[in-house]
Amino acid sequence: MAWFYLLMAGLCEIGWVLGLKISQEASTRLLGVVMAVVFIGLSGFLLWLAQREIPIGISYAVWTSIGAAGAFLMGVIFFGETASLGRYLGVLLIIVGVVTLKLAR
């Protein structure tokens, strides 16, 4: 169950970052701020639940990498941010680094 909590915490990381992005527009400012606050609270709570069984170093690395990779992909897909081979390679390196941490345990 701890890994499920950690996965959900990582997905909530993406949610609060998207909330901050949405809040940049005056017409969606309140929605974005509320979204960011709710998702950051959920993300922290779920990370706390996950860390009861998963070591802090692994859980934090997984949590932040899901958030970073997910935010990058959401930016490319929904906000037209530039994507290049180098940026995709960077995201891949984040994921490979986290998998290596997990396997090296």
N, C-alpha and C. Protein backbone atom coordinates (compact mmCIF):
# COMPACT_ATOMS: atom_id res chain seq x y z
N MET A 1 0.83 -1.20 0.00
CA MET A 1 0.00 0.00 0.00
C MET A 1 0.87 1.26 0.00
N ALA A 2 2.04 1.18 0.61
CA ALA A 2 2.92 2.35 0.69
C ALA A 2 3.32 2.84 -0.69
N TRP A 3 3.57 1.92 -1.62
CA TRP A 3 3.95 2.35 -2.97
C TRP A 3 2.78 3.00 -3.70
N PHE A 4 1.58 2.56 -3.42
CA PHE A 4 0.40 3.22 -3.98
C PHE A 4 0.30 4.65 -3.44
N TYR A 5 0.50 4.80 -2.13
CA TYR A 5 0.48 6.14 -1.54
C TYR A 5 1.53 7.03 -2.18
N LEU A 6 2.71 6.46 -2.40
CA LEU A 6 3.80 7.25 -2.98
C LEU A 6 3.48 7.64 -4.42
N LEU A 7 2.92 6.73 -5.19
CA LEU A 7 2.53 7.06 -6.56
C LEU A 7 1.49 8.17 -6.56
N MET A 8 0.48 8.06 -5.71
CA MET A 8 -0.55 9.10 -5.64
C MET A 8 0.03 10.43 -5.17
N ALA A 9 0.98 10.38 -4.24
CA ALA A 9 1.64 11.61 -3.78
C ALA A 9 2.37 12.28 -4.93
N GLY A 10 3.05 11.49 -5.75
CA GLY A 10 3.75 12.04 -6.91
C GLY A 10 2.79 12.65 -7.92
N LEU A 11 1.67 12.01 -8.13
CA LEU A 11 0.67 12.57 -9.05
C LEU A 11 0.08 13.87 -8.50
N CYS A 12 -0.09 13.93 -7.18
CA CYS A 12 -0.57 15.18 -6.57
C CYS A 12 0.47 16.28 -6.69
N GLU A 13 1.76 15.90 -6.73
CA GLU A 13 2.81 16.89 -6.98
C GLU A 13 2.57 17.59 -8.31
N ILE A 14 2.21 16.80 -9.31
CA ILE A 14 1.92 17.37 -10.63
C ILE A 14 0.72 18.32 -10.52
N GLY A 15 -0.28 17.92 -9.74
CA GLY A 15 -1.50 18.73 -9.59
C GLY A 15 -1.24 20.10 -9.01
N TRP A 16 -0.36 20.19 -7.99
CA TRP A 16 -0.16 21.52 -7.41
C TRP A 16 0.68 22.40 -8.32
N VAL A 17 1.59 21.80 -9.07
CA VAL A 17 2.37 22.60 -10.03
C VAL A 17 1.46 23.13 -11.13
N LEU A 18 0.54 22.27 -11.60
CA LEU A 18 -0.42 22.73 -12.60
C LEU A 18 -1.32 23.83 -12.04
N GLY A 19 -1.70 23.69 -10.78
CA GLY A 19 -2.49 24.74 -10.14
C GLY A 19 -1.78 26.08 -10.16
N LEU A 20 -0.49 26.06 -9.86
CA LEU A 20 0.27 27.31 -9.91
C LEU A 20 0.32 27.89 -11.31
N LYS A 21 0.47 27.03 -12.31
CA LYS A 21 0.49 27.49 -13.70
C LYS A 21 -0.86 28.08 -14.09
N ILE A 22 -1.94 27.39 -13.72
CA ILE A 22 -3.29 27.87 -14.02
C ILE A 22 -3.56 29.22 -13.35
N SER A 23 -3.00 29.42 -12.18
CA SER A 23 -3.25 30.67 -11.44
C SER A 23 -2.58 31.88 -12.07
N GLN A 24 -1.76 31.69 -13.08
CA GLN A 24 -1.09 32.81 -13.75
C GLN A 24 -2.08 33.67 -14.55
N GLU A 25 -3.18 33.08 -14.96
CA GLU A 25 -4.21 33.82 -15.70
C GLU A 25 -5.20 34.43 -14.72
N ALA A 26 -5.55 35.69 -14.90
CA ALA A 26 -6.45 36.37 -13.98
C ALA A 26 -7.82 35.67 -13.88
N SER A 27 -8.29 35.13 -14.99
CA SER A 27 -9.61 34.50 -14.99
C SER A 27 -9.65 33.17 -14.23
N THR A 28 -8.50 32.54 -14.03
CA THR A 28 -8.46 31.25 -13.34
C THR A 28 -7.57 31.29 -12.09
N ARG A 29 -7.30 32.50 -11.62
CA ARG A 29 -6.37 32.65 -10.49
C ARG A 29 -6.86 31.92 -9.24
N LEU A 30 -8.09 32.17 -8.84
CA LEU A 30 -8.60 31.55 -7.62
C LEU A 30 -8.64 30.02 -7.75
N LEU A 31 -9.14 29.53 -8.87
CA LEU A 31 -9.17 28.09 -9.11
C LEU A 31 -7.77 27.49 -9.01
N GLY A 32 -6.80 28.14 -9.63
CA GLY A 32 -5.44 27.64 -9.62
C GLY A 32 -4.83 27.62 -8.23
N VAL A 33 -5.05 28.67 -7.46
CA VAL A 33 -4.51 28.73 -6.11
C VAL A 33 -5.15 27.66 -5.23
N VAL A 34 -6.47 27.52 -5.32
CA VAL A 34 -7.16 26.49 -4.54
C VAL A 34 -6.66 25.10 -4.94
N MET A 35 -6.54 24.89 -6.22
CA MET A 35 -6.04 23.61 -6.72
C MET A 35 -4.64 23.32 -6.18
N ALA A 36 -3.77 24.31 -6.22
CA ALA A 36 -2.39 24.14 -5.72
C ALA A 36 -2.39 23.81 -4.24
N VAL A 37 -3.15 24.52 -3.45
CA VAL A 37 -3.18 24.29 -2.00
C VAL A 37 -3.72 22.90 -1.67
N VAL A 38 -4.79 22.51 -2.33
CA VAL A 38 -5.39 21.19 -2.07
C VAL A 38 -4.42 20.08 -2.46
N PHE A 39 -3.84 20.19 -3.65
CA PHE A 39 -2.94 19.14 -4.10
C PHE A 39 -1.64 19.08 -3.31
N ILE A 40 -1.12 20.21 -2.87
CA ILE A 40 0.12 20.15 -2.07
C ILE A 40 -0.16 19.53 -0.71
N GLY A 41 -1.34 19.81 -0.15
CA GLY A 41 -1.72 19.17 1.11
C GLY A 41 -1.87 17.67 0.96
N LEU A 42 -2.57 17.25 -0.09
CA LEU A 42 -2.74 15.81 -0.37
C LEU A 42 -1.41 15.14 -0.63
N SER A 43 -0.58 15.81 -1.39
CA SER A 43 0.73 15.26 -1.73
C SER A 43 1.57 15.03 -0.47
N GLY A 44 1.61 16.01 0.39
CA GLY A 44 2.37 15.88 1.63
C GLY A 44 1.82 14.79 2.53
N PHE A 45 0.52 14.70 2.65
CA PHE A 45 -0.10 13.68 3.49
C PHE A 45 0.18 12.27 2.95
N LEU A 46 0.04 12.10 1.64
CA LEU A 46 0.30 10.80 1.05
C LEU A 46 1.77 10.41 1.14
N LEU A 47 2.66 11.39 1.00
CA LEU A 47 4.09 11.12 1.19
C LEU A 47 4.35 10.69 2.63
N TRP A 48 3.72 11.33 3.57
CA TRP A 48 3.86 10.95 4.98
C TRP A 48 3.42 9.51 5.20
N LEU A 49 2.29 9.14 4.60
CA LEU A 49 1.82 7.75 4.71
C LEU A 49 2.82 6.77 4.11
N ALA A 50 3.35 7.11 2.95
CA ALA A 50 4.30 6.23 2.27
C ALA A 50 5.58 6.04 3.07
N GLN A 51 6.02 7.12 3.73
CA GLN A 51 7.29 7.05 4.45
C GLN A 51 7.22 6.22 5.72
N ARG A 52 6.06 5.74 6.07
CA ARG A 52 5.97 4.83 7.21
C ARG A 52 6.62 3.49 6.87
N GLU A 53 6.68 3.16 5.57
CA GLU A 53 7.26 1.88 5.14
C GLU A 53 8.43 2.03 4.17
N ILE A 54 8.47 3.11 3.45
CA ILE A 54 9.52 3.31 2.45
C ILE A 54 10.55 4.29 3.01
N PRO A 55 11.85 3.97 2.90
CA PRO A 55 12.88 4.88 3.41
C PRO A 55 12.75 6.29 2.81
N ILE A 56 13.12 7.28 3.59
CA ILE A 56 12.95 8.68 3.20
C ILE A 56 13.68 9.02 1.90
N GLY A 57 14.89 8.52 1.74
CA GLY A 57 15.66 8.84 0.53
C GLY A 57 14.99 8.33 -0.73
N ILE A 58 14.50 7.12 -0.67
CA ILE A 58 13.82 6.53 -1.83
C ILE A 58 12.48 7.23 -2.07
N SER A 59 11.72 7.41 -1.00
CA SER A 59 10.39 8.01 -1.18
C SER A 59 10.49 9.45 -1.70
N TYR A 60 11.44 10.21 -1.18
CA TYR A 60 11.58 11.58 -1.65
C TYR A 60 12.03 11.62 -3.11
N ALA A 61 12.97 10.75 -3.47
CA ALA A 61 13.45 10.73 -4.86
C ALA A 61 12.32 10.34 -5.82
N VAL A 62 11.55 9.35 -5.46
CA VAL A 62 10.43 8.93 -6.32
C VAL A 62 9.39 10.03 -6.41
N TRP A 63 9.05 10.61 -5.27
CA TRP A 63 8.05 11.68 -5.20
C TRP A 63 8.42 12.86 -6.09
N THR A 64 9.64 13.34 -5.93
CA THR A 64 10.05 14.51 -6.71
C THR A 64 10.22 14.18 -8.19
N SER A 65 10.66 12.95 -8.49
CA SER A 65 10.85 12.62 -9.90
C SER A 65 9.51 12.48 -10.63
N ILE A 66 8.51 11.92 -9.96
CA ILE A 66 7.18 11.86 -10.57
C ILE A 66 6.68 13.29 -10.82
N GLY A 67 6.87 14.14 -9.84
CA GLY A 67 6.45 15.53 -9.98
C GLY A 67 7.18 16.26 -11.09
N ALA A 68 8.51 16.09 -11.13
CA ALA A 68 9.31 16.80 -12.14
C ALA A 68 9.01 16.29 -13.55
N ALA A 69 9.01 14.98 -13.72
CA ALA A 69 8.75 14.42 -15.05
C ALA A 69 7.32 14.72 -15.48
N GLY A 70 6.39 14.58 -14.56
CA GLY A 70 4.99 14.85 -14.88
C GLY A 70 4.73 16.30 -15.22
N ALA A 71 5.34 17.21 -14.46
CA ALA A 71 5.16 18.64 -14.74
C ALA A 71 5.76 19.00 -16.10
N PHE A 72 6.90 18.41 -16.41
CA PHE A 72 7.51 18.64 -17.72
C PHE A 72 6.56 18.18 -18.84
N LEU A 73 6.04 16.96 -18.71
CA LEU A 73 5.15 16.45 -19.74
C LEU A 73 3.86 17.25 -19.84
N MET A 74 3.30 17.67 -18.72
CA MET A 74 2.08 18.49 -18.75
C MET A 74 2.35 19.84 -19.42
N GLY A 75 3.53 20.39 -19.16
CA GLY A 75 3.89 21.66 -19.81
C GLY A 75 3.97 21.52 -21.32
N VAL A 76 4.56 20.43 -21.77
CA VAL A 76 4.68 20.18 -23.20
C VAL A 76 3.31 19.92 -23.82
N ILE A 77 2.52 19.06 -23.18
CA ILE A 77 1.23 18.65 -23.75
C ILE A 77 0.19 19.76 -23.71
N PHE A 78 0.06 20.43 -22.57
CA PHE A 78 -1.05 21.37 -22.39
C PHE A 78 -0.68 22.85 -22.54
N PHE A 79 0.59 23.18 -22.37
CA PHE A 79 0.95 24.59 -22.37
C PHE A 79 1.91 24.97 -23.49
N GLY A 80 2.17 24.04 -24.39
CA GLY A 80 2.99 24.34 -25.55
C GLY A 80 4.44 24.65 -25.25
N GLU A 81 4.95 24.16 -24.13
CA GLU A 81 6.35 24.38 -23.81
C GLU A 81 7.21 23.56 -24.76
N THR A 82 8.40 24.07 -25.03
CA THR A 82 9.26 23.40 -26.01
C THR A 82 9.77 22.07 -25.45
N ALA A 83 9.83 21.13 -26.35
CA ALA A 83 10.38 19.81 -26.02
C ALA A 83 11.47 19.50 -27.02
N SER A 84 12.58 19.06 -26.52
CA SER A 84 13.69 18.70 -27.40
C SER A 84 14.22 17.35 -26.95
N LEU A 85 15.07 16.78 -27.76
CA LEU A 85 15.67 15.51 -27.41
C LEU A 85 16.42 15.63 -26.08
N GLY A 86 17.10 16.74 -25.88
CA GLY A 86 17.84 16.95 -24.63
C GLY A 86 16.92 16.99 -23.42
N ARG A 87 15.78 17.62 -23.54
CA ARG A 87 14.84 17.68 -22.41
C ARG A 87 14.24 16.31 -22.11
N TYR A 88 13.89 15.58 -23.16
CA TYR A 88 13.39 14.22 -22.94
C TYR A 88 14.47 13.33 -22.33
N LEU A 89 15.69 13.51 -22.77
CA LEU A 89 16.81 12.76 -22.20
C LEU A 89 16.99 13.09 -20.72
N GLY A 90 16.85 14.37 -20.38
CA GLY A 90 16.94 14.78 -18.98
C GLY A 90 15.89 14.12 -18.11
N VAL A 91 14.66 14.05 -18.59
CA VAL A 91 13.58 13.40 -17.85
C VAL A 91 13.88 11.90 -17.73
N LEU A 92 14.36 11.31 -18.81
CA LEU A 92 14.72 9.89 -18.78
C LEU A 92 15.82 9.63 -17.75
N LEU A 93 16.79 10.51 -17.66
CA LEU A 93 17.86 10.36 -16.67
C LEU A 93 17.34 10.45 -15.24
N ILE A 94 16.36 11.31 -15.02
CA ILE A 94 15.73 11.39 -13.69
C ILE A 94 15.09 10.05 -13.34
N ILE A 95 14.35 9.51 -14.28
CA ILE A 95 13.66 8.24 -14.05
C ILE A 95 14.66 7.10 -13.84
N VAL A 96 15.69 7.05 -14.67
CA VAL A 96 16.71 6.01 -14.52
C VAL A 96 17.43 6.14 -13.18
N GLY A 97 17.68 7.36 -12.75
CA GLY A 97 18.32 7.57 -11.45
C GLY A 97 17.48 7.05 -10.30
N VAL A 98 16.19 7.29 -10.35
CA VAL A 98 15.31 6.82 -9.28
C VAL A 98 15.20 5.30 -9.30
N VAL A 99 15.09 4.72 -10.48
CA VAL A 99 15.03 3.25 -10.57
C VAL A 99 16.34 2.64 -10.04
N THR A 100 17.46 3.27 -10.34
CA THR A 100 18.74 2.78 -9.83
C THR A 100 18.79 2.85 -8.31
N LEU A 101 18.29 3.94 -7.73
CA LEU A 101 18.22 4.04 -6.26
C LEU A 101 17.42 2.90 -5.67
N LYS A 102 16.29 2.61 -6.29
CA LYS A 102 15.42 1.55 -5.79
C LYS A 102 16.09 0.18 -5.90
N LEU A 103 16.70 -0.09 -7.03
CA LEU A 103 17.31 -1.40 -7.26
C LEU A 103 18.58 -1.61 -6.43
N ALA A 104 19.25 -0.53 -6.09
CA ALA A 104 20.51 -0.61 -5.33
C ALA A 104 20.28 -0.85 -3.85
N ARG A 105 19.06 -0.89 -3.45
CA ARG A 105 18.71 -1.05 -2.04
C ARG A 105 19.14 -2.34 -1.57
